[in-house]
Amino acid sequence: MPNFVFKGRNRSNEVVVGERFAPDRQSLETMLRREQVIVTSVKEKGKEIAIPKFGARQKVKSKDLAIFTRQFSVMIDAGLPLVQCLDILGNQQTNNFFKQTILQVRTDVESGMTLAESMGRHPKVFEPLYVNMVAAGETGGILDLILQRLAIFIEKMVKLKSDVISALIYPAAVIVLAVVVVAVIMIVVIPAFKNIFEGMLGPGESLPLPTEIVIGISNFMASYWWIMAIVIFAASYATKAYYDTTNGRRNIDNLMLKAPVIGDVLRKIAVARFSRTLATLLSSGVPILESLDITAKTAGNVIIQEAIMKVRAGIEQGQTMVEPLKATGIFPPMVSQMIGVGEQTGAMDAMLSKIADFYEQEVDAAIANMLTLIEPIMIVFLGVTIGSIVISMYMPLFVLIGRLAGKS
């Protein structure tokens, strides 16, 4: 029976440190709970597993998870024991939360749980897709192969996400810079021109209408900028609160899919994600209904999720996958046709992988086309906005020059 050194707090919030023999960590925690001691850390054979404190960063990057999965598959393939693999991988992590999670998984495996069961206790790190694939790998005795597929899947999802973010950085940066430039002009530069113009006006004279409009907007922004900040913050908060509701999320997701230009990009991303996820699950031996259930939960869009669940319901009723897939109206005809071929030939996972490869390339092309369209629109918008401000500020000078020319 292993010997544990533990640390915790009793009902009086006093620190309790002790050493005790127990069959496993769970048994020790159960015994201590009966004694009204809350465990904060446990040490066994020189290996400490600390429970993450409240408020600590409890997030694992997809890139870190991909590296962990890739290394894990290599170690399993090399014949290293499962517990030793988890111990090595856990202790080399720089993310403390990820490290503690892996070491906790190692402890659970040591106590007799399967790897999938122990990972399933940490849904913040290991999603249902990950857990189900690991379970299929353990059952089929091909855990190393399943981990390789998982690593490839996560790497492809990371690449797809990074490509989209990288493409959006340029227009976002231009828009932010444009807003800052216009704000500086309206709040700092225009008031200086206003003082000059007031000194130029004679009795009964007024500024041109465009100039008065720009000065009025400048005065409002300079005096009531805090109202604008509150409105922007309130609008953002209200949008987020609405999106957190069932109807709100459905309406916004539906609107995003129907939006011009960006809707096409989002639809292609959804198709690529659906195909890649389902292909990975099916090739790993996960049943079709369970695979569709997991794929729907990881769709990232309620409308796509509902469409996948309709496909799942159709298959439960004895239909082929093609019929309900066409009925959703979400997936392009090519996807339905290729999946139909995959069903007939018994190579559904291979066909889905080809669809995913194709649509990942389509996403790159769609993003490039979107940027090509956005660039001239942004240039025209900035040119019109800043040009209008500049012209409105020069109009009084033209009046002054005309007046001086008349006197001469």
Protein backbone atom coordinates (compact mmCIF):
# COMPACT_ATOMS: atom_id res chain seq x y z
CA MET A 1 0.00 0.00 0.00
CA PRO A 2 1.53 3.36 -1.03
CA ASN A 3 2.40 6.02 1.50
CA PHE A 4 0.97 9.54 0.89
CA VAL A 5 2.07 12.86 2.35
CA PHE A 6 -0.85 15.27 2.24
CA LYS A 7 -1.60 18.90 2.95
CA GLY A 8 -5.02 20.47 3.48
CA ARG A 9 -7.27 22.64 5.64
CA ASN A 10 -9.77 21.70 8.33
CA ARG A 11 -13.13 23.33 9.20
CA SER A 12 -11.33 26.09 11.14
CA ASN A 13 -9.28 26.88 8.01
CA GLU A 14 -6.12 25.68 9.74
CA VAL A 15 -3.39 24.04 7.70
CA VAL A 16 -3.22 20.28 8.23
CA VAL A 17 -0.12 18.31 7.17
CA GLY A 18 0.25 14.60 7.60
CA GLU A 19 1.31 11.22 6.24
CA ARG A 20 -0.93 8.23 5.76
CA PHE A 21 -1.10 4.87 3.99
CA ALA A 22 -4.00 4.38 1.54
CA PRO A 23 -4.81 2.12 -1.42
CA ASP A 24 -4.92 5.12 -3.75
CA ARG A 25 -5.36 8.88 -3.83
CA GLN A 26 -9.17 8.71 -4.04
CA SER A 27 -9.34 6.54 -0.93
CA LEU A 28 -7.10 8.98 0.92
CA GLU A 29 -9.30 11.94 -0.09
CA THR A 30 -12.41 10.03 1.02
CA MET A 31 -10.88 9.30 4.42
CA LEU A 32 -9.83 12.90 4.89
CA ARG A 33 -13.24 14.22 3.84
CA ARG A 34 -14.78 12.12 6.59
CA GLU A 35 -12.40 13.87 8.96
CA GLN A 36 -13.56 17.21 7.46
CA VAL A 37 -10.19 17.96 5.85
CA ILE A 38 -10.10 19.55 2.39
CA VAL A 39 -7.03 18.29 0.49
CA THR A 40 -4.94 20.89 -1.35
CA SER A 41 -1.95 18.72 -2.29
CA VAL A 42 -0.85 15.07 -2.19
CA LYS A 43 2.63 13.61 -2.49
CA GLU A 44 3.28 9.99 -3.41
CA LYS A 45 6.72 8.53 -4.03
CA GLY A 46 8.13 12.02 -4.43
CA LYS A 47 5.49 13.06 -6.97
CA GLU A 48 3.32 15.98 -5.85
CA ILE A 49 -0.05 16.69 -7.40
CA ALA A 50 -1.41 20.09 -6.40
CA ILE A 51 -5.05 20.96 -6.96
CA PRO A 52 -5.25 24.20 -8.99
CA LYS A 53 -6.14 27.21 -6.89
CA PHE A 54 -9.22 29.28 -7.67
CA GLY A 55 -8.45 32.09 -10.09
CA ALA A 56 -5.41 30.39 -11.63
CA ARG A 57 -5.19 30.20 -15.43
CA GLN A 58 -7.15 27.07 -16.26
CA LYS A 59 -6.71 26.94 -20.01
CA VAL A 60 -4.61 24.81 -22.34
CA LYS A 61 -3.70 26.05 -25.82
CA SER A 62 -4.58 23.78 -28.72
CA LYS A 63 -0.94 23.94 -29.84
CA ASP A 64 0.25 22.61 -26.45
CA LEU A 65 -2.35 19.82 -26.59
CA ALA A 66 -1.21 18.88 -30.11
CA ILE A 67 2.44 18.69 -29.00
CA PHE A 68 1.46 16.61 -25.94
CA THR A 69 -0.57 14.22 -28.11
CA ARG A 70 2.19 13.86 -30.69
CA GLN A 71 4.84 13.12 -28.02
CA PHE A 72 2.46 10.76 -26.22
CA SER A 73 1.91 8.72 -29.41
CA VAL A 74 5.67 8.46 -30.03
CA MET A 75 6.29 7.26 -26.46
CA ILE A 76 3.50 4.66 -26.61
CA ASP A 77 4.78 3.45 -29.98
CA ALA A 78 8.28 3.12 -28.47
CA GLY A 79 6.89 0.76 -25.80
CA LEU A 80 7.12 3.00 -22.72
CA PRO A 81 4.60 2.20 -19.95
CA LEU A 82 1.53 4.45 -19.91
CA VAL A 83 2.16 5.80 -16.39
CA GLN A 84 5.78 6.63 -17.22
CA CYS A 85 4.71 8.49 -20.38
CA LEU A 86 2.24 10.61 -18.44
CA ASP A 87 4.79 11.31 -15.72
CA ILE A 88 7.44 12.49 -18.20
CA LEU A 89 4.99 14.57 -20.25
CA GLY A 90 3.39 16.09 -17.18
CA ASN A 91 6.62 17.21 -15.54
CA GLN A 92 7.90 18.88 -18.72
CA GLN A 93 4.87 21.16 -19.12
CA THR A 94 5.36 24.90 -18.51
CA ASN A 95 1.61 25.49 -18.13
CA ASN A 96 1.02 24.65 -14.46
CA PHE A 97 -2.66 23.80 -14.95
CA PHE A 98 -1.86 21.42 -17.82
CA LYS A 99 0.95 19.87 -15.78
CA GLN A 100 -1.33 19.24 -12.80
CA THR A 101 -4.03 17.81 -15.06
CA ILE A 102 -1.65 15.31 -16.71
CA LEU A 103 -0.23 14.25 -13.35
CA GLN A 104 -3.76 13.80 -12.03
CA VAL A 105 -4.54 11.60 -15.05
CA ARG A 106 -1.40 9.60 -14.26
CA THR A 107 -2.55 9.11 -10.67
CA ASP A 108 -6.01 8.00 -11.78
CA VAL A 109 -4.49 5.50 -14.22
CA GLU A 110 -2.26 4.17 -11.42
CA SER A 111 -5.37 3.66 -9.27
CA GLY A 112 -6.94 1.42 -11.94
CA MET A 113 -8.96 3.77 -14.15
CA THR A 114 -8.67 3.61 -17.92
CA LEU A 115 -6.89 6.45 -19.71
CA ALA A 116 -10.15 7.59 -21.33
CA GLU A 117 -12.02 7.62 -18.01
CA SER A 118 -9.27 9.60 -16.29
CA MET A 119 -9.11 12.12 -19.15
CA GLY A 120 -12.89 12.43 -19.14
CA ARG A 121 -12.67 13.89 -15.63
CA HIS A 122 -10.97 16.99 -17.12
CA PRO A 123 -13.35 18.32 -19.83
CA LYS A 124 -11.60 21.72 -19.83
CA VAL A 125 -8.52 20.05 -21.31
CA PHE A 126 -9.76 16.89 -23.02
CA GLU A 127 -12.94 17.41 -25.08
CA PRO A 128 -15.46 14.57 -25.66
CA LEU A 129 -13.96 13.99 -29.13
CA TYR A 130 -10.51 13.43 -27.58
CA VAL A 131 -11.85 11.14 -24.82
CA ASN A 132 -13.96 9.01 -27.18
CA MET A 133 -11.08 8.50 -29.58
CA VAL A 134 -8.76 7.49 -26.75
CA ALA A 135 -11.42 5.03 -25.54
CA ALA A 136 -11.65 3.55 -29.04
CA GLY A 137 -7.84 3.27 -29.17
CA GLU A 138 -7.68 1.49 -25.80
CA THR A 139 -10.45 -0.92 -26.78
CA GLY A 140 -8.86 -1.75 -30.14
CA GLY A 141 -5.28 -1.88 -28.84
CA ILE A 142 -4.18 0.88 -31.25
CA LEU A 143 -3.72 3.77 -28.81
CA ASP A 144 -0.52 4.98 -30.51
CA LEU A 145 -2.25 5.15 -33.92
CA ILE A 146 -5.28 6.94 -32.45
CA LEU A 147 -3.02 9.49 -30.73
CA GLN A 148 -1.24 10.12 -34.04
CA ARG A 149 -4.61 10.78 -35.72
CA LEU A 150 -5.61 13.04 -32.85
CA ALA A 151 -2.37 15.00 -33.14
CA ILE A 152 -2.89 15.45 -36.91
CA PHE A 153 -6.50 16.50 -36.34
CA ILE A 154 -5.61 19.10 -33.68
CA GLU A 155 -2.72 20.43 -35.79
CA LYS A 156 -5.02 20.87 -38.80
CA MET A 157 -7.65 22.64 -36.66
CA VAL A 158 -4.95 24.90 -35.19
CA LYS A 159 -3.72 25.74 -38.71
CA LEU A 160 -7.24 26.48 -39.93
CA LYS A 161 -7.90 28.77 -36.96
CA SER A 162 -4.54 30.55 -37.27
CA ASP A 163 -5.08 31.10 -41.02
CA VAL A 164 -8.43 32.77 -40.34
CA ILE A 165 -7.03 34.92 -37.51
CA SER A 166 -3.97 35.92 -39.56
CA ALA A 167 -6.22 36.96 -42.44
CA LEU A 168 -8.37 39.11 -40.16
CA ILE A 169 -5.45 40.87 -38.45
CA TYR A 170 -4.77 43.23 -41.38
CA PRO A 171 -8.32 44.61 -41.84
CA ALA A 172 -8.82 44.79 -38.05
CA ALA A 173 -5.56 46.73 -37.64
CA VAL A 174 -6.49 49.13 -40.46
CA ILE A 175 -9.95 49.76 -38.98
CA VAL A 176 -8.56 50.38 -35.48
CA LEU A 177 -5.87 52.71 -36.86
CA ALA A 178 -8.48 54.59 -38.92
CA VAL A 179 -10.72 55.05 -35.88
CA VAL A 180 -7.78 56.36 -33.82
CA VAL A 181 -6.67 58.76 -36.58
CA VAL A 182 -10.20 60.15 -37.09
CA ALA A 183 -10.69 60.49 -33.31
CA VAL A 184 -7.41 62.42 -32.93
CA ILE A 185 -8.33 64.72 -35.84
CA MET A 186 -11.82 65.39 -34.45
CA ILE A 187 -10.80 65.88 -30.81
CA VAL A 188 -7.38 67.56 -31.12
CA VAL A 189 -6.95 69.10 -34.59
CA ILE A 190 -10.45 70.47 -35.36
CA PRO A 191 -10.73 72.59 -32.15
CA ALA A 192 -7.48 74.38 -33.16
CA PHE A 193 -8.95 75.21 -36.58
CA LYS A 194 -12.17 76.35 -34.90
CA ASN A 195 -10.32 79.06 -32.95
CA ILE A 196 -8.63 80.28 -36.15
CA PHE A 197 -11.91 80.41 -38.05
CA GLU A 198 -13.69 82.37 -35.31
CA GLY A 199 -11.00 85.06 -35.58
CA MET A 200 -11.47 85.24 -39.34
CA LEU A 201 -15.23 85.80 -39.34
CA GLY A 202 -16.58 89.28 -39.73
CA PRO A 203 -19.85 90.65 -38.25
CA GLY A 204 -22.85 88.62 -39.37
CA GLU A 205 -20.69 86.05 -41.19
CA SER A 206 -20.97 82.30 -40.64
CA LEU A 207 -18.91 79.27 -41.56
CA PRO A 208 -19.86 77.03 -44.50
CA LEU A 209 -22.40 74.32 -43.56
CA PRO A 210 -19.97 71.34 -43.99
CA THR A 211 -17.46 73.08 -41.69
CA GLU A 212 -20.13 73.73 -39.05
CA ILE A 213 -21.22 70.07 -39.18
CA VAL A 214 -17.63 68.82 -38.68
CA ILE A 215 -17.03 71.31 -35.84
CA GLY A 216 -20.32 70.25 -34.22
CA ILE A 217 -19.30 66.59 -34.33
CA SER A 218 -15.87 67.53 -32.95
CA ASN A 219 -17.44 69.47 -30.05
CA PHE A 220 -19.71 66.52 -29.23
CA MET A 221 -16.83 64.01 -29.29
CA ALA A 222 -14.60 66.24 -27.16
CA SER A 223 -17.32 66.96 -24.58
CA TYR A 224 -19.18 63.66 -24.48
CA TRP A 225 -16.56 61.03 -25.34
CA TRP A 226 -17.45 59.21 -22.13
CA ILE A 227 -21.06 58.78 -23.35
CA MET A 228 -19.74 57.20 -26.56
CA ALA A 229 -17.51 54.86 -24.53
CA ILE A 230 -20.47 53.85 -22.34
CA VAL A 231 -22.69 53.24 -25.40
CA ILE A 232 -20.02 51.07 -27.06
CA PHE A 233 -19.46 49.08 -23.85
CA ALA A 234 -23.21 48.68 -23.26
CA ALA A 235 -23.79 47.56 -26.86
CA SER A 236 -20.98 44.99 -26.59
CA TYR A 237 -22.30 43.69 -23.25
CA ALA A 238 -25.90 43.53 -24.53
CA THR A 239 -24.80 41.65 -27.66
CA LYS A 240 -22.83 39.13 -25.58
CA ALA A 241 -25.74 38.69 -23.13
CA TYR A 242 -28.14 38.15 -26.04
CA TYR A 243 -25.75 35.65 -27.66
CA ASP A 244 -25.65 33.68 -24.40
CA THR A 245 -29.39 33.02 -24.70
CA THR A 246 -30.69 30.11 -26.81
CA ASN A 247 -32.66 32.24 -29.27
CA GLY A 248 -29.98 34.92 -29.39
CA ARG A 249 -27.24 32.50 -30.29
CA ARG A 250 -29.41 30.85 -32.92
CA ASN A 251 -30.40 34.19 -34.51
CA ILE A 252 -26.85 35.58 -34.53
CA ASP A 253 -25.34 32.34 -35.88
CA ASN A 254 -28.00 32.25 -38.61
CA LEU A 255 -27.33 35.91 -39.45
CA MET A 256 -23.58 35.29 -39.66
CA LEU A 257 -24.07 32.40 -42.11
CA LYS A 258 -26.30 34.57 -44.31
CA ALA A 259 -24.05 37.64 -44.20
CA PRO A 260 -22.53 38.66 -47.55
CA VAL A 261 -18.91 37.57 -48.16
CA ILE A 262 -18.15 36.47 -44.58
CA GLY A 263 -21.11 34.06 -44.53
CA ASP A 264 -19.57 32.05 -47.38
CA VAL A 265 -16.26 31.86 -45.49
CA LEU A 266 -17.97 30.71 -42.28
CA ARG A 267 -19.95 28.05 -44.14
CA LYS A 268 -16.81 26.64 -45.73
CA ILE A 269 -15.03 26.62 -42.37
CA ALA A 270 -17.99 24.73 -40.87
CA VAL A 271 -17.96 22.13 -43.68
CA ALA A 272 -14.19 21.63 -43.33
CA ARG A 273 -14.50 21.23 -39.55
CA PHE A 274 -17.46 18.84 -39.84
CA SER A 275 -15.69 16.66 -42.42
CA ARG A 276 -12.37 16.57 -40.57
CA THR A 277 -13.94 15.77 -37.19
CA LEU A 278 -16.27 13.07 -38.50
CA ALA A 279 -13.51 11.49 -40.60
CA THR A 280 -11.18 11.34 -37.60
CA LEU A 281 -13.83 9.76 -35.37
CA LEU A 282 -15.00 7.18 -37.93
CA SER A 283 -11.45 6.14 -38.85
CA SER A 284 -10.80 5.58 -35.14
CA GLY A 285 -13.69 3.14 -34.79
CA VAL A 286 -16.22 5.40 -33.04
CA PRO A 287 -19.82 4.43 -34.04
CA ILE A 288 -21.52 6.71 -36.59
CA LEU A 289 -24.30 7.96 -34.26
CA GLU A 290 -21.87 8.77 -31.47
CA SER A 291 -19.51 10.39 -33.99
CA LEU A 292 -22.28 12.65 -35.29
CA ASP A 293 -23.26 13.55 -31.74
CA ILE A 294 -19.69 14.60 -30.90
CA THR A 295 -19.26 16.40 -34.25
CA ALA A 296 -22.44 18.40 -33.63
CA LYS A 297 -21.22 19.53 -30.19
CA THR A 298 -17.93 20.76 -31.66
CA ALA A 299 -19.51 22.50 -34.69
CA GLY A 300 -19.15 26.00 -33.21
CA ASN A 301 -22.42 27.18 -34.79
CA VAL A 302 -25.94 26.35 -33.58
CA ILE A 303 -27.39 26.20 -37.11
CA ILE A 304 -24.71 23.72 -38.21
CA GLN A 305 -25.19 21.77 -34.97
CA GLU A 306 -28.95 21.45 -35.59
CA ALA A 307 -28.32 20.32 -39.16
CA ILE A 308 -25.92 17.58 -38.00
CA MET A 309 -28.41 16.40 -35.36
CA LYS A 310 -31.09 16.15 -38.10
CA VAL A 311 -28.69 13.96 -40.08
CA ARG A 312 -28.19 11.83 -36.97
CA ALA A 313 -31.96 11.51 -36.47
CA GLY A 314 -32.38 10.46 -40.11
CA ILE A 315 -29.78 7.71 -39.76
CA GLU A 316 -31.51 6.47 -36.58
CA GLN A 317 -34.69 6.12 -38.64
CA GLY A 318 -32.90 3.94 -41.20
CA GLN A 319 -32.08 6.53 -43.86
CA THR A 320 -28.73 6.86 -45.56
CA MET A 321 -26.60 9.84 -44.58
CA VAL A 322 -27.10 11.57 -47.95
CA GLU A 323 -30.89 12.07 -47.71
CA PRO A 324 -31.04 14.07 -44.44
CA LEU A 325 -27.79 15.86 -45.37
CA LYS A 326 -29.42 17.26 -48.53
CA ALA A 327 -32.60 18.12 -46.61
CA THR A 328 -30.73 20.46 -44.23
CA GLY A 329 -29.85 22.87 -47.05
CA ILE A 330 -26.66 23.80 -45.19
CA PHE A 331 -24.12 21.55 -46.89
CA PRO A 332 -23.17 22.04 -50.57
CA PRO A 333 -24.37 19.39 -53.08
CA MET A 334 -20.78 18.26 -53.70
CA VAL A 335 -20.46 17.24 -50.04
CA SER A 336 -23.64 15.15 -50.18
CA GLN A 337 -22.55 13.49 -53.44
CA MET A 338 -19.08 12.58 -52.15
CA ILE A 339 -20.49 11.25 -48.87
CA GLY A 340 -22.97 9.18 -50.90
CA VAL A 341 -20.07 7.67 -52.85
CA GLY A 342 -18.28 7.01 -49.55
CA GLU A 343 -21.32 5.16 -48.18
CA GLN A 344 -21.61 2.99 -51.30
CA THR A 345 -17.91 2.10 -51.40
CA GLY A 346 -17.49 1.69 -47.63
CA ALA A 347 -14.78 4.35 -47.54
CA MET A 348 -16.67 7.08 -45.69
CA ASP A 349 -13.70 8.21 -43.55
CA ALA A 350 -11.39 8.52 -46.59
CA MET A 351 -14.03 10.48 -48.54
CA LEU A 352 -14.63 12.83 -45.60
CA SER A 353 -10.88 13.44 -45.33
CA LYS A 354 -10.79 14.43 -49.02
CA ILE A 355 -13.75 16.77 -48.49
CA ALA A 356 -11.95 18.33 -45.50
CA ASP A 357 -8.74 18.81 -47.53
CA PHE A 358 -10.70 20.42 -50.37
CA TYR A 359 -12.66 22.81 -48.16
CA GLU A 360 -9.61 23.80 -46.13
CA GLN A 361 -8.10 24.96 -49.43
CA GLU A 362 -11.41 26.63 -50.27
CA VAL A 363 -11.27 28.51 -46.97
CA ASP A 364 -7.83 29.89 -47.87
CA ALA A 365 -9.10 31.00 -51.28
CA ALA A 366 -12.29 32.50 -49.81
CA ILE A 367 -10.33 34.47 -47.22
CA ALA A 368 -7.99 35.79 -49.94
CA ASN A 369 -11.01 36.85 -52.03
CA MET A 370 -12.60 38.49 -48.99
CA LEU A 371 -9.44 40.51 -48.31
CA THR A 372 -9.26 41.50 -51.99
CA LEU A 373 -12.80 42.84 -51.68
CA ILE A 374 -12.36 44.49 -48.27
CA GLU A 375 -9.17 46.39 -49.18
CA PRO A 376 -10.68 48.78 -51.77
CA ILE A 377 -13.78 49.25 -49.59
CA MET A 378 -11.61 50.31 -46.64
CA ILE A 379 -9.50 52.60 -48.84
CA VAL A 380 -12.62 54.29 -50.28
CA PHE A 381 -14.18 54.65 -46.81
CA LEU A 382 -11.03 56.17 -45.31
CA GLY A 383 -10.53 58.42 -48.33
CA VAL A 384 -14.10 59.73 -48.21
CA THR A 385 -14.07 60.21 -44.41
CA ILE A 386 -10.73 61.94 -44.07
CA GLY A 387 -11.14 63.77 -47.40
CA SER A 388 -14.50 65.19 -46.28
CA ILE A 389 -12.97 66.44 -43.03
CA VAL A 390 -10.02 68.06 -44.81
CA ILE A 391 -12.22 69.75 -47.45
CA SER A 392 -14.64 71.07 -44.83
CA MET A 393 -11.71 72.59 -42.96
CA TYR A 394 -10.30 74.23 -46.08
CA MET A 395 -13.60 75.74 -47.25
CA PRO A 396 -13.35 78.79 -44.89
CA LEU A 397 -9.81 79.38 -46.18
CA PHE A 398 -11.15 79.43 -49.74
CA VAL A 399 -13.73 82.03 -48.66
CA LEU A 400 -10.99 84.12 -47.04
CA ILE A 401 -8.78 83.91 -50.11
CA GLY A 402 -11.70 84.97 -52.30
CA ARG A 403 -12.40 87.91 -50.02
CA LEU A 404 -8.77 89.06 -50.11
CA ALA A 405 -8.68 88.68 -53.88
CA GLY A 406 -11.83 90.86 -54.17
CA LYS A 407 -10.28 93.62 -52.07
CA SER A 408 -7.16 93.68 -54.21
